[in-house]
Protein backbone atom coordinates (compact mmCIF):
# COMPACT_ATOMS: atom_id res chain seq x y z
CA MET A 1 9.05 173.22 -178.03
CA ASP A 2 9.53 169.19 -178.18
CA LEU A 3 10.36 167.57 -181.59
CA GLY A 4 11.54 164.45 -180.29
CA ASP A 5 13.82 162.22 -182.18
CA ARG A 6 10.78 161.89 -185.43
CA ARG A 7 12.14 163.38 -188.88
CA ALA A 8 10.36 166.98 -188.00
CA PHE A 9 10.54 169.73 -190.31
CA VAL A 10 11.29 173.85 -189.03
CA ILE A 11 10.55 176.37 -190.55
CA GLU A 12 12.38 179.95 -188.93
CA LEU A 13 11.32 183.48 -190.30
CA SER A 14 14.36 185.88 -189.73
CA CYS A 15 16.65 183.10 -189.14
CA GLY A 16 19.73 186.44 -188.55
CA ASP A 17 22.67 184.13 -188.55
CA GLY A 18 21.87 180.85 -188.06
CA GLU A 19 22.53 180.80 -183.74
CA LEU A 20 18.65 179.44 -183.08
CA ALA A 21 19.08 177.43 -186.14
CA ARG A 22 22.11 175.30 -184.81
CA ARG A 23 20.63 175.10 -181.23
CA VAL A 24 17.46 173.34 -182.52
CA LEU A 25 19.39 171.21 -185.38
CA MET A 26 22.33 170.02 -182.27
CA ARG A 27 19.10 169.29 -180.24
CA HIS A 28 16.63 167.04 -182.65
CA GLY A 29 19.05 165.04 -184.37
CA ALA A 30 16.21 164.35 -187.28
CA THR A 31 15.00 167.99 -187.72
CA HIS A 32 14.89 169.36 -191.29
CA TYR A 33 15.31 173.07 -191.37
CA LEU A 34 14.67 176.14 -193.82
CA GLY A 35 15.59 179.78 -192.23
CA LEU A 36 14.49 182.29 -194.06
CA ASP A 37 15.36 186.12 -193.95
CA ARG A 38 15.06 189.40 -196.04
CA SER A 39 19.38 190.27 -195.22
CA GLU A 40 21.70 188.46 -197.83
CA ARG A 41 24.51 188.35 -194.96
CA MET A 42 22.56 187.00 -192.38
CA ARG A 43 22.20 184.27 -195.15
CA GLU A 44 25.34 183.83 -195.77
CA HIS A 45 26.19 183.64 -192.00
CA ALA A 46 23.26 181.47 -191.71
CA LYS A 47 24.69 179.32 -194.51
CA GLU A 48 28.18 178.52 -193.34
CA ARG A 49 26.98 178.06 -189.35
CA LEU A 50 24.79 175.35 -190.25
CA SER A 51 27.39 173.52 -193.06
CA LEU A 52 27.38 170.80 -190.65
CA PHE A 53 24.46 169.72 -191.04
CA GLY A 54 24.04 168.93 -194.48
CA ALA A 55 20.67 168.72 -196.08
CA ARG A 56 19.05 169.01 -193.37
CA ALA A 57 20.02 172.64 -193.43
CA MET A 58 18.52 175.14 -195.70
CA VAL A 59 18.77 179.04 -195.83
CA GLU A 60 16.26 180.72 -198.40
CA SER A 61 15.83 184.54 -199.20
CA PHE A 62 12.17 186.08 -197.63
CA ASP A 63 10.59 189.07 -197.00
CA ILE A 64 8.05 188.61 -193.59
CA HIS A 65 5.84 191.07 -194.76
CA ASN A 66 4.90 189.06 -197.95
CA PHE A 67 5.20 185.93 -195.75
CA ALA A 68 0.83 185.34 -196.31
CA ASP A 69 1.07 184.78 -199.72
CA MET A 70 4.34 182.91 -199.54
CA SER A 71 4.05 178.79 -201.22
CA LEU A 72 6.12 176.73 -198.58
CA PRO A 73 7.81 173.74 -199.24
CA GLY A 74 5.76 171.23 -197.89
CA ARG A 75 3.51 171.53 -194.18
CA PRO A 76 5.94 172.10 -191.10
CA ASP A 77 6.32 170.49 -187.60
CA ALA A 78 7.08 173.79 -185.77
CA LEU A 79 6.83 177.63 -187.35
CA ILE A 80 9.07 179.48 -185.09
CA SER A 81 10.58 183.58 -185.48
CA SER A 82 12.64 185.78 -182.68
CA LEU A 83 12.46 189.03 -183.22
CA ALA A 84 10.38 189.47 -186.14
CA VAL A 85 6.79 189.72 -186.21
CA HIS A 86 7.37 193.13 -184.13
CA HIS A 87 8.22 194.56 -187.86
CA LEU A 88 4.39 193.56 -189.11
CA ASP A 89 1.60 195.90 -187.94
CA GLY A 90 -1.51 194.47 -186.57
CA GLU A 91 -3.28 192.88 -189.94
CA GLY A 92 0.21 191.73 -190.79
CA LYS A 93 0.48 189.95 -187.66
CA LYS A 94 -2.68 188.95 -187.81
CA ARG A 95 -2.48 187.47 -191.37
CA LEU A 96 1.18 185.72 -190.44
CA PHE A 97 -0.85 184.19 -187.81
CA ARG A 98 -3.80 182.92 -189.66
CA LYS A 99 -0.93 181.67 -192.79
CA ALA A 100 0.58 179.66 -189.86
CA PHE A 101 -2.32 178.12 -189.19
CA ALA A 102 -2.98 176.88 -192.32
CA GLU A 103 0.67 175.64 -193.20
CA LEU A 104 1.62 173.58 -189.87
CA GLU A 105 0.98 170.15 -190.08
CA VAL A 106 -2.28 168.88 -187.48
CA GLY A 107 0.13 168.92 -183.68
CA GLY A 108 2.13 171.64 -185.08
CA ARG A 109 3.32 173.93 -182.86
CA LEU A 110 3.87 178.19 -183.79
CA VAL A 111 6.50 179.36 -181.15
CA ILE A 112 7.21 183.19 -181.57
CA CYS A 113 10.18 185.41 -179.33
CA ASP A 114 9.33 189.27 -179.96
CA VAL A 115 9.67 192.33 -178.34
CA VAL A 116 6.10 193.47 -177.49
CA LEU A 117 4.01 196.54 -176.71
CA PRO A 118 3.50 197.55 -172.64
CA ALA A 119 -0.29 198.02 -171.90
CA GLY A 120 0.62 201.31 -170.39
CA ALA A 121 2.94 204.02 -169.00
CA VAL A 122 3.63 202.05 -165.74
CA ALA A 123 4.59 198.25 -167.82
CA THR A 124 6.66 200.63 -170.87
CA ALA A 125 8.62 202.01 -167.34
CA ILE A 126 9.68 198.53 -165.96
CA ALA A 127 10.26 197.18 -169.22
CA ALA A 128 12.36 199.89 -169.89
CA GLN A 129 14.18 199.52 -166.40
CA GLN A 130 14.23 195.36 -166.83
CA TRP A 131 15.99 196.03 -170.56
CA ASN A 132 19.13 198.26 -169.18
CA CYS A 133 19.37 196.09 -165.92
CA ALA A 134 19.92 192.76 -168.11
CA VAL A 135 22.12 194.53 -170.64
CA ALA A 136 23.69 195.74 -167.47
CA ARG A 137 24.63 192.05 -166.62
CA ASN A 138 25.44 191.12 -169.51
CA SER A 139 28.41 193.98 -170.06
CA LEU A 140 29.81 192.53 -166.75
CA ASP A 141 29.74 189.39 -167.73
CA ALA A 142 31.34 189.87 -171.06
CA PHE A 143 33.49 192.62 -170.22
CA GLY A 144 34.05 193.42 -166.21
CA ASP A 145 32.44 196.48 -166.79
CA LEU A 146 29.59 198.55 -168.43
CA ARG A 147 30.93 199.72 -171.48
CA GLY A 148 28.23 197.33 -173.06
CA LEU A 149 25.40 199.41 -171.16
CA ASP A 150 26.64 202.87 -172.43
CA ARG A 151 26.66 201.34 -176.13
CA PHE A 152 23.16 200.45 -175.58
CA HIS A 153 22.42 203.68 -174.34
CA GLU A 154 24.02 205.72 -177.13
CA LEU A 155 22.64 203.44 -179.75
CA GLU A 156 19.32 204.44 -178.47
CA TRP A 157 18.11 200.66 -178.51
CA ASN A 158 16.14 200.93 -175.91
CA MET A 159 12.83 201.45 -177.21
CA TYR A 160 10.87 201.55 -173.65
CA SER A 161 12.71 204.77 -172.89
CA GLY A 162 12.42 208.22 -173.18
CA THR A 163 10.00 207.64 -176.58
CA PRO A 164 6.53 206.85 -177.58
CA VAL A 165 7.05 202.79 -178.26
CA GLY A 166 7.30 202.31 -181.93
CA ASP A 167 7.57 204.26 -185.42
CA GLU A 168 7.71 203.23 -189.51
CA ILE A 169 9.89 200.24 -188.78
CA ASP A 170 9.37 198.62 -184.68
CA LYS A 171 5.57 198.18 -184.79
CA PRO A 172 5.47 196.23 -182.07
CA SER A 173 1.41 195.17 -180.82
CA THR A 174 0.67 193.88 -177.46
CA LEU A 175 0.93 190.62 -175.13
CA LEU A 176 -2.50 190.69 -174.82
CA GLU A 177 -3.49 191.84 -178.54
CA GLN A 178 -1.43 188.89 -180.15
CA LEU A 179 -2.58 186.25 -177.88
CA ASN A 180 -5.80 186.52 -179.05
CA TRP A 181 -4.93 187.26 -182.31
CA VAL A 182 -3.24 183.51 -182.20
CA GLN A 183 -6.50 182.14 -180.61
CA GLU A 184 -8.79 183.86 -183.26
CA SER A 185 -6.83 181.83 -186.01
CA GLY A 186 -7.75 178.61 -185.05
CA PHE A 187 -4.77 177.50 -182.67
CA LYS A 188 -5.08 176.10 -179.15
CA ASP A 189 -2.81 175.81 -176.07
CA VAL A 190 -2.03 179.77 -176.16
CA ASP A 191 0.38 180.08 -173.89
CA VAL A 192 3.00 182.44 -173.02
CA ILE A 193 6.07 180.59 -171.97
CA TRP A 194 7.93 183.46 -170.81
CA HIS A 195 8.19 188.09 -170.58
CA TYR A 196 10.45 189.78 -169.46
CA ALA A 197 12.26 193.56 -170.45
CA GLY A 198 9.67 193.90 -172.74
CA HIS A 199 10.27 190.63 -174.60
CA ALA A 200 7.84 187.78 -174.61
CA VAL A 201 7.56 184.13 -176.43
CA PHE A 202 4.86 182.54 -176.15
CA CYS A 203 3.50 179.53 -177.76
CA ALA A 204 0.37 177.97 -179.55
CA THR A 205 -0.55 174.29 -181.39
CA LYS A 206 -2.68 173.28 -184.36
CA ARG A 207 -5.22 170.70 -183.09
């Protein structure tokens, strides 16, 4: 996502603690940002982290299930989301993508980072193994041992390991399904820019 040096407007769905926003605002000095999140605790963390950007950064409450019915404060140049869209079922994702296309400025970008549903048992097993390996590497880097991986297994966070993928909270769709839904919503240049361990980053442009 290259916003250049122009005054751009970015909306993030489920902004969490604001770390992604901080990086976007540091890199793009003229960008204005609106972060949306359901959790009051996360919103407070985000507000604190983004306070150095003053009026360029705002954080407000929302529920991703209701995003398709929201009135947005202006047309964004980019709409981004990380690890949130998988909480919607297939129809919910379709509505979100259609809403994103309708609201974005012409030339605007949609960028989604999320867990996806592997297409079949082989891909599921590979995703599970890759996620375990990634957590093991991060644990070794952070602690010098595998305590992070042990905790990861204790909390049963690897959704691709052992049980069917998805439940009443996590409803991942396949990557192919989502790319098709994004394209059907009217977007062009729909593409995958990263995919590993059942996580993917995909993007599209409103022409």
